[in-house]
Amino acid sequence: LDWKERHPLLMRPKKHNELGPERLAHLYAYEY
Protein backbone atom coordinates (compact mmCIF):
# COMPACT_ATOMS: atom_id res chain seq x y z
CA LEU A 1 0.00 0.00 0.00
CA ASP A 2 1.05 3.61 -0.44
CA TRP A 3 0.49 6.58 1.88
CA LYS A 4 -2.86 7.45 0.27
CA GLU A 5 -4.08 3.93 1.06
CA ARG A 6 -3.29 4.09 4.79
CA HIS A 7 -6.90 4.16 6.05
CA PRO A 8 -7.17 0.36 6.58
CA LEU A 9 -4.47 0.70 9.26
CA LEU A 10 -6.72 3.13 11.17
CA MET A 11 -4.67 6.05 9.96
CA ARG A 12 -7.58 8.27 9.04
CA PRO A 13 -9.87 10.97 10.37
CA LYS A 14 -12.54 9.90 12.84
CA LYS A 15 -16.01 9.41 11.37
CA HIS A 16 -18.93 11.34 12.85
CA ASN A 17 -20.27 8.29 14.69
CA GLU A 18 -16.90 7.17 16.09
CA LEU A 19 -15.17 8.00 19.36
CA GLY A 20 -11.65 9.27 19.99
CA PRO A 21 -9.41 12.02 18.65
CA GLU A 22 -9.92 13.78 15.32
CA ARG A 23 -7.21 11.61 13.79
CA LEU A 24 -7.37 7.97 14.88
CA ALA A 25 -3.65 7.50 14.31
CA HIS A 26 -3.20 9.39 17.59
CA LEU A 27 -5.27 7.20 19.89
CA TYR A 28 -3.97 6.62 23.40
CA ALA A 29 -3.13 2.95 23.96
CA TYR A 30 -6.16 2.29 26.17
CA GLU A 31 -8.50 4.00 23.70
CA TYR A 32 -8.04 1.27 21.08
PDB file of all heavy atoms in Angstrom:
ATOM      1  N   LEU A   1       0.834  -1.194   0.000  1.00  0.00           N
ATOM      2  CA  LEU A   1       0.000   0.000   0.000  1.00  0.00           C
ATOM      3  C   LEU A   1       0.871   1.247   0.000  1.00  0.00           C
ATOM      4  O   LEU A   1       2.007   1.221   0.465  1.00  0.00           O
ATOM      5  CB  LEU A   1      -0.914   0.022   1.236  1.00  0.00           C
ATOM      6  CG  LEU A   1      -1.849  -1.180   1.425  1.00  0.00           C
ATOM      7  CD1 LEU A   1      -2.560  -1.085   2.766  1.00  0.00           C
ATOM      8  CD2 LEU A   1      -2.859  -1.254   0.284  1.00  0.00           C
ATOM      9  N   ASP A   2       0.319   2.347  -0.528  1.00  0.00           N
ATOM     10  CA  ASP A   2       1.052   3.609  -0.438  1.00  0.00           C
ATOM     11  C   ASP A   2       0.396   4.497   0.618  1.00  0.00           C
ATOM     12  O   ASP A   2      -0.592   4.120   1.251  1.00  0.00           O
ATOM     13  CB  ASP A   2       1.150   4.309  -1.798  1.00  0.00           C
ATOM     14  CG  ASP A   2      -0.211   4.704  -2.376  1.00  0.00           C
ATOM     15  OD1 ASP A   2      -1.172   4.907  -1.605  1.00  0.00           O
ATOM     16  OD2 ASP A   2      -0.310   4.813  -3.604  1.00  0.00           O
ATOM     17  N   TRP A   3       0.950   5.703   0.797  1.00  0.00           N
ATOM     18  CA  TRP A   3       0.489   6.584   1.877  1.00  0.00           C
ATOM     19  C   TRP A   3      -0.984   6.952   1.722  1.00  0.00           C
ATOM     20  O   TRP A   3      -1.714   7.080   2.715  1.00  0.00           O
ATOM     21  CB  TRP A   3       1.352   7.841   1.920  1.00  0.00           C
ATOM     22  CG  TRP A   3       1.042   8.746   3.080  1.00  0.00           C
ATOM     23  CD1 TRP A   3       0.533  10.002   3.030  1.00  0.00           C
ATOM     24  CD2 TRP A   3       1.247   8.468   4.471  1.00  0.00           C
ATOM     25  NE1 TRP A   3       0.396  10.527   4.302  1.00  0.00           N
ATOM     26  CE2 TRP A   3       0.833   9.598   5.196  1.00  0.00           C
ATOM     27  CE3 TRP A   3       1.745   7.352   5.168  1.00  0.00           C
ATOM     28  CZ2 TRP A   3       0.897   9.670   6.595  1.00  0.00           C
ATOM     29  CZ3 TRP A   3       1.800   7.415   6.555  1.00  0.00           C
ATOM     30  CH2 TRP A   3       1.377   8.556   7.254  1.00  0.00           C
ATOM     31  N   LYS A   4      -1.463   7.085   0.496  1.00  0.00           N
ATOM     32  CA  LYS A   4      -2.857   7.451   0.269  1.00  0.00           C
ATOM     33  C   LYS A   4      -3.806   6.310   0.603  1.00  0.00           C
ATOM     34  O   LYS A   4      -5.020   6.518   0.730  1.00  0.00           O
ATOM     35  CB  LYS A   4      -3.054   7.879  -1.185  1.00  0.00           C
ATOM     36  CG  LYS A   4      -2.335   9.187  -1.539  1.00  0.00           C
ATOM     37  CD  LYS A   4      -2.562   9.562  -2.993  1.00  0.00           C
ATOM     38  CE  LYS A   4      -1.842  10.857  -3.337  1.00  0.00           C
ATOM     39  NZ  LYS A   4      -2.031  11.242  -4.769  1.00  0.00           N
ATOM     40  N   GLU A   5      -3.259   5.099   0.757  1.00  0.00           N
ATOM     41  CA  GLU A   5      -4.079   3.926   1.060  1.00  0.00           C
ATOM     42  C   GLU A   5      -3.932   3.480   2.513  1.00  0.00           C
ATOM     43  O   GLU A   5      -4.161   2.321   2.841  1.00  0.00           O
ATOM     44  CB  GLU A   5      -3.681   2.771   0.137  1.00  0.00           C
ATOM     45  CG  GLU A   5      -3.857   3.070  -1.347  1.00  0.00           C
ATOM     46  CD  GLU A   5      -3.249   1.996  -2.240  1.00  0.00           C
ATOM     47  OE1 GLU A   5      -2.031   1.751  -2.123  1.00  0.00           O
ATOM     48  OE2 GLU A   5      -4.002   1.410  -3.044  1.00  0.00           O
ATOM     49  N   ARG A   6      -3.598   4.424   3.396  1.00  0.00           N
ATOM     50  CA  ARG A   6      -3.286   4.090   4.788  1.00  0.00           C
ATOM     51  C   ARG A   6      -4.507   3.882   5.682  1.00  0.00           C
ATOM     52  O   ARG A   6      -4.388   3.403   6.808  1.00  0.00           O
ATOM     53  CB  ARG A   6      -2.400   5.167   5.403  1.00  0.00           C
ATOM     54  CG  ARG A   6      -3.051   6.537   5.553  1.00  0.00           C
ATOM     55  CD  ARG A   6      -1.993   7.578   5.940  1.00  0.00           C
ATOM     56  NE  ARG A   6      -2.535   8.910   6.171  1.00  0.00           N
ATOM     57  CZ  ARG A   6      -2.800   9.791   5.221  1.00  0.00           C
ATOM     58  NH1 ARG A   6      -2.582   9.469   3.952  1.00  0.00           N
ATOM     59  NH2 ARG A   6      -3.265  10.991   5.523  1.00  0.00           N
ATOM     60  N   HIS A   7      -5.700   4.227   5.209  1.00  0.00           N
ATOM     61  CA  HIS A   7      -6.899   4.162   6.048  1.00  0.00           C
ATOM     62  C   HIS A   7      -7.174   2.789   6.659  1.00  0.00           C
ATOM     63  O   HIS A   7      -7.645   2.709   7.799  1.00  0.00           O
ATOM     64  CB  HIS A   7      -8.126   4.641   5.265  1.00  0.00           C
ATOM     65  CG  HIS A   7      -8.136   6.125   5.061  1.00  0.00           C
ATOM     66  ND1 HIS A   7      -9.263   6.828   4.676  1.00  0.00           N
ATOM     67  CD2 HIS A   7      -7.163   7.065   5.197  1.00  0.00           C
ATOM     68  CE1 HIS A   7      -8.981   8.120   4.573  1.00  0.00           C
ATOM     69  NE2 HIS A   7      -7.708   8.283   4.877  1.00  0.00           N
ATOM     70  N   PRO A   8      -6.913   1.662   5.965  1.00  0.00           N
ATOM     71  CA  PRO A   8      -7.167   0.357   6.584  1.00  0.00           C
ATOM     72  C   PRO A   8      -6.354   0.102   7.857  1.00  0.00           C
ATOM     73  O   PRO A   8      -6.714  -0.773   8.649  1.00  0.00           O
ATOM     74  CB  PRO A   8      -6.779  -0.639   5.476  1.00  0.00           C
ATOM     75  CG  PRO A   8      -6.960   0.120   4.212  1.00  0.00           C
ATOM     76  CD  PRO A   8      -6.535   1.515   4.535  1.00  0.00           C
ATOM     77  N   LEU A   9      -5.284   0.846   8.056  1.00  0.00           N
ATOM     78  CA  LEU A   9      -4.469   0.697   9.262  1.00  0.00           C
ATOM     79  C   LEU A   9      -4.910   1.666  10.353  1.00  0.00           C
ATOM     80  O   LEU A   9      -4.188   1.916  11.315  1.00  0.00           O
ATOM     81  CB  LEU A   9      -2.982   0.896   8.943  1.00  0.00           C
ATOM     82  CG  LEU A   9      -2.210  -0.359   8.497  1.00  0.00           C
ATOM     83  CD1 LEU A   9      -2.768  -0.892   7.184  1.00  0.00           C
ATOM     84  CD2 LEU A   9      -0.723  -0.070   8.364  1.00  0.00           C
ATOM     85  N   LEU A  10      -6.123   2.185  10.208  1.00  0.00           N
ATOM     86  CA  LEU A  10      -6.723   3.126  11.170  1.00  0.00           C
ATOM     87  C   LEU A  10      -5.996   4.465  11.170  1.00  0.00           C
ATOM     88  O   LEU A  10      -6.049   5.209  12.143  1.00  0.00           O
ATOM     89  CB  LEU A  10      -6.757   2.532  12.585  1.00  0.00           C
ATOM     90  CG  LEU A  10      -7.871   3.030  13.511  1.00  0.00           C
ATOM     91  CD1 LEU A  10      -9.242   2.660  12.955  1.00  0.00           C
ATOM     92  CD2 LEU A  10      -7.721   2.476  14.919  1.00  0.00           C
ATOM     93  N   MET A  11      -5.338   4.761  10.097  1.00  0.00           N
ATOM     94  CA  MET A  11      -4.668   6.050   9.958  1.00  0.00           C
ATOM     95  C   MET A  11      -5.548   6.953   9.104  1.00  0.00           C
ATOM     96  O   MET A  11      -5.316   7.148   7.906  1.00  0.00           O
ATOM     97  CB  MET A  11      -3.281   5.857   9.355  1.00  0.00           C
ATOM     98  CG  MET A  11      -2.402   4.973  10.204  1.00  0.00           C
ATOM     99  SD  MET A  11      -0.703   4.983   9.639  1.00  0.00           S
ATOM    100  CE  MET A  11      -0.238   6.677   9.987  1.00  0.00           C
ATOM    101  N   ARG A  12      -6.574   7.476   9.745  1.00  0.00           N
ATOM    102  CA  ARG A  12      -7.576   8.268   9.039  1.00  0.00           C
ATOM    103  C   ARG A  12      -8.300   9.173  10.025  1.00  0.00           C
ATOM    104  O   ARG A  12      -8.213   8.997  11.239  1.00  0.00           O
ATOM    105  CB  ARG A  12      -8.585   7.344   8.356  1.00  0.00           C
ATOM    106  CG  ARG A  12      -9.302   6.406   9.328  1.00  0.00           C
ATOM    107  CD  ARG A  12     -10.403   5.615   8.636  1.00  0.00           C
ATOM    108  NE  ARG A  12     -11.022   4.622   9.513  1.00  0.00           N
ATOM    109  CZ  ARG A  12     -11.940   4.899  10.419  1.00  0.00           C
ATOM    110  NH1 ARG A  12     -12.351   6.148  10.614  1.00  0.00           N
ATOM    111  NH2 ARG A  12     -12.457   3.946  11.168  1.00  0.00           N
ATOM    112  N   PRO A  13      -9.043  10.137   9.487  1.00  0.00           N
ATOM    113  CA  PRO A  13      -9.874  10.967  10.373  1.00  0.00           C
ATOM    114  C   PRO A  13     -10.990  10.138  10.997  1.00  0.00           C
ATOM    115  O   PRO A  13     -11.456   9.154  10.412  1.00  0.00           O
ATOM    116  CB  PRO A  13     -10.449  12.029   9.424  1.00  0.00           C
ATOM    117  CG  PRO A  13      -9.556  12.014   8.224  1.00  0.00           C
ATOM    118  CD  PRO A  13      -9.060  10.608   8.096  1.00  0.00           C
ATOM    119  N   LYS A  14     -11.408  10.550  12.168  1.00  0.00           N
ATOM    120  CA  LYS A  14     -12.539   9.904  12.839  1.00  0.00           C
ATOM    121  C   LYS A  14     -13.832  10.211  12.093  1.00  0.00           C
ATOM    122  O   LYS A  14     -14.059  11.336  11.649  1.00  0.00           O
ATOM    123  CB  LYS A  14     -12.623  10.419  14.278  1.00  0.00           C
ATOM    124  CG  LYS A  14     -13.789   9.877  15.087  1.00  0.00           C
ATOM    125  CD  LYS A  14     -13.826  10.491  16.475  1.00  0.00           C
ATOM    126  CE  LYS A  14     -14.108  11.987  16.395  1.00  0.00           C
ATOM    127  NZ  LYS A  14     -14.288  12.587  17.733  1.00  0.00           N
ATOM    128  N   LYS A  15     -14.698   9.200  11.960  1.00  0.00           N
ATOM    129  CA  LYS A  15     -16.014   9.410  11.368  1.00  0.00           C
ATOM    130  C   LYS A  15     -16.953  10.015  12.414  1.00  0.00           C
ATOM    131  O   LYS A  15     -16.691   9.937  13.613  1.00  0.00           O
ATOM    132  CB  LYS A  15     -16.572   8.082  10.845  1.00  0.00           C
ATOM    133  CG  LYS A  15     -15.732   7.467   9.736  1.00  0.00           C
ATOM    134  CD  LYS A  15     -16.273   6.107   9.322  1.00  0.00           C
ATOM    135  CE  LYS A  15     -15.384   5.459   8.271  1.00  0.00           C
ATOM    136  NZ  LYS A  15     -15.848   4.093   7.901  1.00  0.00           N
ATOM    137  N   HIS A  16     -18.047  10.592  11.951  1.00  0.00           N
ATOM    138  CA  HIS A  16     -18.928  11.344  12.855  1.00  0.00           C
ATOM    139  C   HIS A  16     -19.522  10.479  13.956  1.00  0.00           C
ATOM    140  O   HIS A  16     -19.850  10.977  15.038  1.00  0.00           O
ATOM    141  CB  HIS A  16     -20.049  12.028  12.055  1.00  0.00           C
ATOM    142  CG  HIS A  16     -21.129  11.098  11.577  1.00  0.00           C
ATOM    143  ND1 HIS A  16     -20.997  10.316  10.441  1.00  0.00           N
ATOM    144  CD2 HIS A  16     -22.349  10.814  12.094  1.00  0.00           C
ATOM    145  CE1 HIS A  16     -22.098   9.598  10.270  1.00  0.00           C
ATOM    146  NE2 HIS A  16     -22.926   9.876  11.249  1.00  0.00           N
ATOM    147  N   ASN A  17     -19.660   9.179  13.699  1.00  0.00           N
ATOM    148  CA  ASN A  17     -20.266   8.289  14.688  1.00  0.00           C
ATOM    149  C   ASN A  17     -19.226   7.516  15.505  1.00  0.00           C
ATOM    150  O   ASN A  17     -19.573   6.590  16.238  1.00  0.00           O
ATOM    151  CB  ASN A  17     -21.225   7.307  13.997  1.00  0.00           C
ATOM    152  CG  ASN A  17     -20.518   6.414  12.985  1.00  0.00           C
ATOM    153  OD1 ASN A  17     -19.465   6.785  12.453  1.00  0.00           O
ATOM    154  ND2 ASN A  17     -21.082   5.244  12.719  1.00  0.00           N
ATOM    155  N   GLU A  18     -17.959   7.870  15.382  1.00  0.00           N
ATOM    156  CA  GLU A  18     -16.897   7.171  16.093  1.00  0.00           C
ATOM    157  C   GLU A  18     -16.388   8.007  17.270  1.00  0.00           C
ATOM    158  O   GLU A  18     -16.587   9.220  17.329  1.00  0.00           O
ATOM    159  CB  GLU A  18     -15.730   6.866  15.141  1.00  0.00           C
ATOM    160  CG  GLU A  18     -16.082   5.865  14.060  1.00  0.00           C
ATOM    161  CD  GLU A  18     -14.935   5.621  13.098  1.00  0.00           C
ATOM    162  OE1 GLU A  18     -14.227   6.584  12.745  1.00  0.00           O
ATOM    163  OE2 GLU A  18     -14.761   4.458  12.674  1.00  0.00           O
ATOM    164  N   LEU A  19     -15.721   7.344  18.186  1.00  0.00           N
ATOM    165  CA  LEU A  19     -15.168   7.998  19.363  1.00  0.00           C
ATOM    166  C   LEU A  19     -13.654   8.127  19.244  1.00  0.00           C
ATOM    167  O   LEU A  19     -13.010   7.367  18.530  1.00  0.00           O
ATOM    168  CB  LEU A  19     -15.516   7.193  20.622  1.00  0.00           C
ATOM    169  CG  LEU A  19     -17.003   7.021  20.925  1.00  0.00           C
ATOM    170  CD1 LEU A  19     -17.186   6.070  22.112  1.00  0.00           C
ATOM    171  CD2 LEU A  19     -17.657   8.363  21.211  1.00  0.00           C
ATOM    172  N   GLY A  20     -13.098   9.102  19.985  1.00  0.00           N
ATOM    173  CA  GLY A  20     -11.653   9.265  19.988  1.00  0.00           C
ATOM    174  C   GLY A  20     -11.228  10.607  19.424  1.00  0.00           C
ATOM    175  O   GLY A  20     -12.052  11.506  19.213  1.00  0.00           O
ATOM    176  N   PRO A  21      -9.941  10.754  19.171  1.00  0.00           N
ATOM    177  CA  PRO A  21      -9.414  12.017  18.650  1.00  0.00           C
ATOM    178  C   PRO A  21      -9.789  12.233  17.192  1.00  0.00           C
ATOM    179  O   PRO A  21     -10.237  11.306  16.512  1.00  0.00           O
ATOM    180  CB  PRO A  21      -7.901  11.843  18.799  1.00  0.00           C
ATOM    181  CG  PRO A  21      -7.693  10.367  18.690  1.00  0.00           C
ATOM    182  CD  PRO A  21      -8.884   9.749  19.366  1.00  0.00           C
ATOM    183  N   GLU A  22      -9.597  13.451  16.712  1.00  0.00           N
ATOM    184  CA  GLU A  22      -9.921  13.778  15.318  1.00  0.00           C
ATOM    185  C   GLU A  22      -9.233  12.840  14.344  1.00  0.00           C
ATOM    186  O   GLU A  22      -9.815  12.411  13.356  1.00  0.00           O
ATOM    187  CB  GLU A  22      -9.504  15.223  15.010  1.00  0.00           C
ATOM    188  CG  GLU A  22     -10.393  16.273  15.620  1.00  0.00           C
ATOM    189  CD  GLU A  22      -9.937  17.674  15.284  1.00  0.00           C
ATOM    190  OE1 GLU A  22      -8.761  17.856  14.878  1.00  0.00           O
ATOM    191  OE2 GLU A  22     -10.748  18.590  15.436  1.00  0.00           O
ATOM    192  N   ARG A  23      -7.973  12.523  14.634  1.00  0.00           N
ATOM    193  CA  ARG A  23      -7.213  11.606  13.786  1.00  0.00           C
ATOM    194  C   ARG A  23      -6.930  10.339  14.592  1.00  0.00           C
ATOM    195  O   ARG A  23      -6.267  10.385  15.633  1.00  0.00           O
ATOM    196  CB  ARG A  23      -5.920  12.246  13.289  1.00  0.00           C
ATOM    197  CG  ARG A  23      -6.148  13.538  12.515  1.00  0.00           C
ATOM    198  CD  ARG A  23      -5.013  13.855  11.568  1.00  0.00           C
ATOM    199  NE  ARG A  23      -4.892  12.871  10.498  1.00  0.00           N
ATOM    200  CZ  ARG A  23      -5.621  12.896   9.371  1.00  0.00           C
ATOM    201  NH1 ARG A  23      -6.529  13.822   9.173  1.00  0.00           N
ATOM    202  NH2 ARG A  23      -5.434  11.979   8.450  1.00  0.00           N
ATOM    203  N   LEU A  24      -7.444   9.215  14.111  1.00  0.00           N
ATOM    204  CA  LEU A  24      -7.373   7.970  14.878  1.00  0.00           C
ATOM    205  C   LEU A  24      -5.963   7.419  14.990  1.00  0.00           C
ATOM    206  O   LEU A  24      -5.701   6.546  15.824  1.00  0.00           O
ATOM    207  CB  LEU A  24      -8.311   6.931  14.265  1.00  0.00           C
ATOM    208  CG  LEU A  24      -9.799   7.320  14.277  1.00  0.00           C
ATOM    209  CD1 LEU A  24     -10.629   6.242  13.595  1.00  0.00           C
ATOM    210  CD2 LEU A  24     -10.294   7.556  15.699  1.00  0.00           C
ATOM    211  N   ALA A  25      -5.045   7.926  14.177  1.00  0.00           N
ATOM    212  CA  ALA A  25      -3.646   7.500  14.305  1.00  0.00           C
ATOM    213  C   ALA A  25      -3.081   7.897  15.662  1.00  0.00           C
ATOM    214  O   ALA A  25      -2.071   7.335  16.101  1.00  0.00           O
ATOM    215  CB  ALA A  25      -2.805   8.117  13.198  1.00  0.00           C
ATOM    216  N   HIS A  26      -3.723   8.872  16.331  1.00  0.00           N
ATOM    217  CA  HIS A  26      -3.196   9.388  17.586  1.00  0.00           C
ATOM    218  C   HIS A  26      -4.029   8.965  18.796  1.00  0.00           C
ATOM    219  O   HIS A  26      -4.142   9.705  19.782  1.00  0.00           O
ATOM    220  CB  HIS A  26      -3.102  10.919  17.515  1.00  0.00           C
ATOM    221  CG  HIS A  26      -2.210  11.394  16.416  1.00  0.00           C
ATOM    222  ND1 HIS A  26      -2.421  12.566  15.718  1.00  0.00           N
ATOM    223  CD2 HIS A  26      -1.091  10.837  15.881  1.00  0.00           C
ATOM    224  CE1 HIS A  26      -1.472  12.718  14.813  1.00  0.00           C
ATOM    225  NE2 HIS A  26      -0.657  11.670  14.887  1.00  0.00           N
ATOM    226  N   LEU A  27      -4.581   7.773  18.732  1.00  0.00           N
ATOM    227  CA  LEU A  27      -5.271   7.199  19.889  1.00  0.00           C
ATOM    228  C   LEU A  27      -4.280   6.921  21.012  1.00  0.00           C
ATOM    229  O   LEU A  27      -3.145   6.512  20.772  1.00  0.00           O
ATOM    230  CB  LEU A  27      -5.949   5.889  19.507  1.00  0.00           C
ATOM    231  CG  LEU A  27      -7.222   5.954  18.648  1.00  0.00           C
ATOM    232  CD1 LEU A  27      -7.449   4.619  17.967  1.00  0.00           C
ATOM    233  CD2 LEU A  27      -8.421   6.327  19.511  1.00  0.00           C
ATOM    234  N   TYR A  28      -4.729   7.132  22.251  1.00  0.00           N
ATOM    235  CA  TYR A  28      -3.967   6.620  23.396  1.00  0.00           C
ATOM    236  C   TYR A  28      -4.064   5.092  23.356  1.00  0.00           C
ATOM    237  O   TYR A  28      -5.010   4.528  22.798  1.00  0.00           O
ATOM    238  CB  TYR A  28      -4.551   7.109  24.721  1.00  0.00           C
ATOM    239  CG  TYR A  28      -4.494   8.604  24.952  1.00  0.00           C
ATOM    240  CD1 TYR A  28      -5.423   9.221  25.786  1.00  0.00           C
ATOM    241  CD2 TYR A  28      -3.506   9.400  24.369  1.00  0.00           C
ATOM    242  CE1 TYR A  28      -5.377  10.583  26.030  1.00  0.00           C
ATOM    243  CE2 TYR A  28      -3.452  10.754  24.610  1.00  0.00           C
ATOM    244  CZ  TYR A  28      -4.391  11.352  25.435  1.00  0.00           C
ATOM    245  OH  TYR A  28      -4.347  12.698  25.676  1.00  0.00           O
ATOM    246  N   ALA A  29      -3.132   4.418  23.992  1.00  0.00           N
ATOM    247  CA  ALA A  29      -3.133   2.950  23.957  1.00  0.00           C
ATOM    248  C   ALA A  29      -4.449   2.364  24.466  1.00  0.00           C
ATOM    249  O   ALA A  29      -5.027   1.466  23.833  1.00  0.00           O
ATOM    250  CB  ALA A  29      -1.956   2.408  24.780  1.00  0.00           C
ATOM    251  N   TYR A  30      -4.943   2.875  25.586  1.00  0.00           N
ATOM    252  CA  TYR A  30      -6.157   2.287  26.170  1.00  0.00           C
ATOM    253  C   TYR A  30      -7.402   2.584  25.334  1.00  0.00           C
ATOM    254  O   TYR A  30      -8.420   1.884  25.425  1.00  0.00           O
ATOM    255  CB  TYR A  30      -6.358   2.759  27.619  1.00  0.00           C
ATOM    256  CG  TYR A  30      -6.739   4.212  27.783  1.00  0.00           C
ATOM    257  CD1 TYR A  30      -8.067   4.628  27.658  1.00  0.00           C
ATOM    258  CD2 TYR A  30      -5.779   5.173  28.095  1.00  0.00           C
ATOM    259  CE1 TYR A  30      -8.418   5.951  27.825  1.00  0.00           C
ATOM    260  CE2 TYR A  30      -6.122   6.504  28.261  1.00  0.00           C
ATOM    261  CZ  TYR A  30      -7.441   6.890  28.122  1.00  0.00           C
ATOM    262  OH  TYR A  30      -7.788   8.212  28.292  1.00  0.00           O
ATOM    263  N   GLU A  31      -7.339   3.625  24.491  1.00  0.00           N
ATOM    264  CA  GLU A  31      -8.504   3.996  23.696  1.00  0.00           C
ATOM    265  C   GLU A  31      -8.795   3.007  22.577  1.00  0.00           C
ATOM    266  O   GLU A  31      -9.929   2.938  22.091  1.00  0.00           O
ATOM    267  CB  GLU A  31      -8.315   5.407  23.125  1.00  0.00           C
ATOM    268  CG  GLU A  31      -8.367   6.499  24.182  1.00  0.00           C
ATOM    269  CD  GLU A  31      -8.127   7.887  23.621  1.00  0.00           C
ATOM    270  OE1 GLU A  31      -7.433   8.003  22.578  1.00  0.00           O
ATOM    271  OE2 GLU A  31      -8.620   8.863  24.227  1.00  0.00           O
ATOM    272  N   TYR A  32      -7.807   2.244  22.146  1.00  0.00           N
ATOM    273  CA  TYR A  32      -8.036   1.266  21.079  1.00  0.00           C
ATOM    274  C   TYR A  32      -9.140   0.287  21.469  1.00  0.00           C
ATOM    275  O   TYR A  32     -10.027  -0.029  20.669  1.00  0.00           O
ATOM    276  CB  TYR A  32      -6.751   0.500  20.767  1.00  0.00           C
ATOM    277  CG  TYR A  32      -5.783   1.252  19.891  1.00  0.00           C
ATOM    278  CD1 TYR A  32      -4.790   2.060  20.440  1.00  0.00           C
ATOM    279  CD2 TYR A  32      -5.860   1.163  18.506  1.00  0.00           C
ATOM    280  CE1 TYR A  32      -3.905   2.755  19.638  1.00  0.00           C
ATOM    281  CE2 TYR A  32      -4.986   1.854  17.683  1.00  0.00           C
ATOM    282  CZ  TYR A  32      -4.005   2.651  18.268  1.00  0.00           C
ATOM    283  OH  TYR A  32      -3.137   3.350  17.466  1.00  0.00           O
TER     284      TYR A  32
END
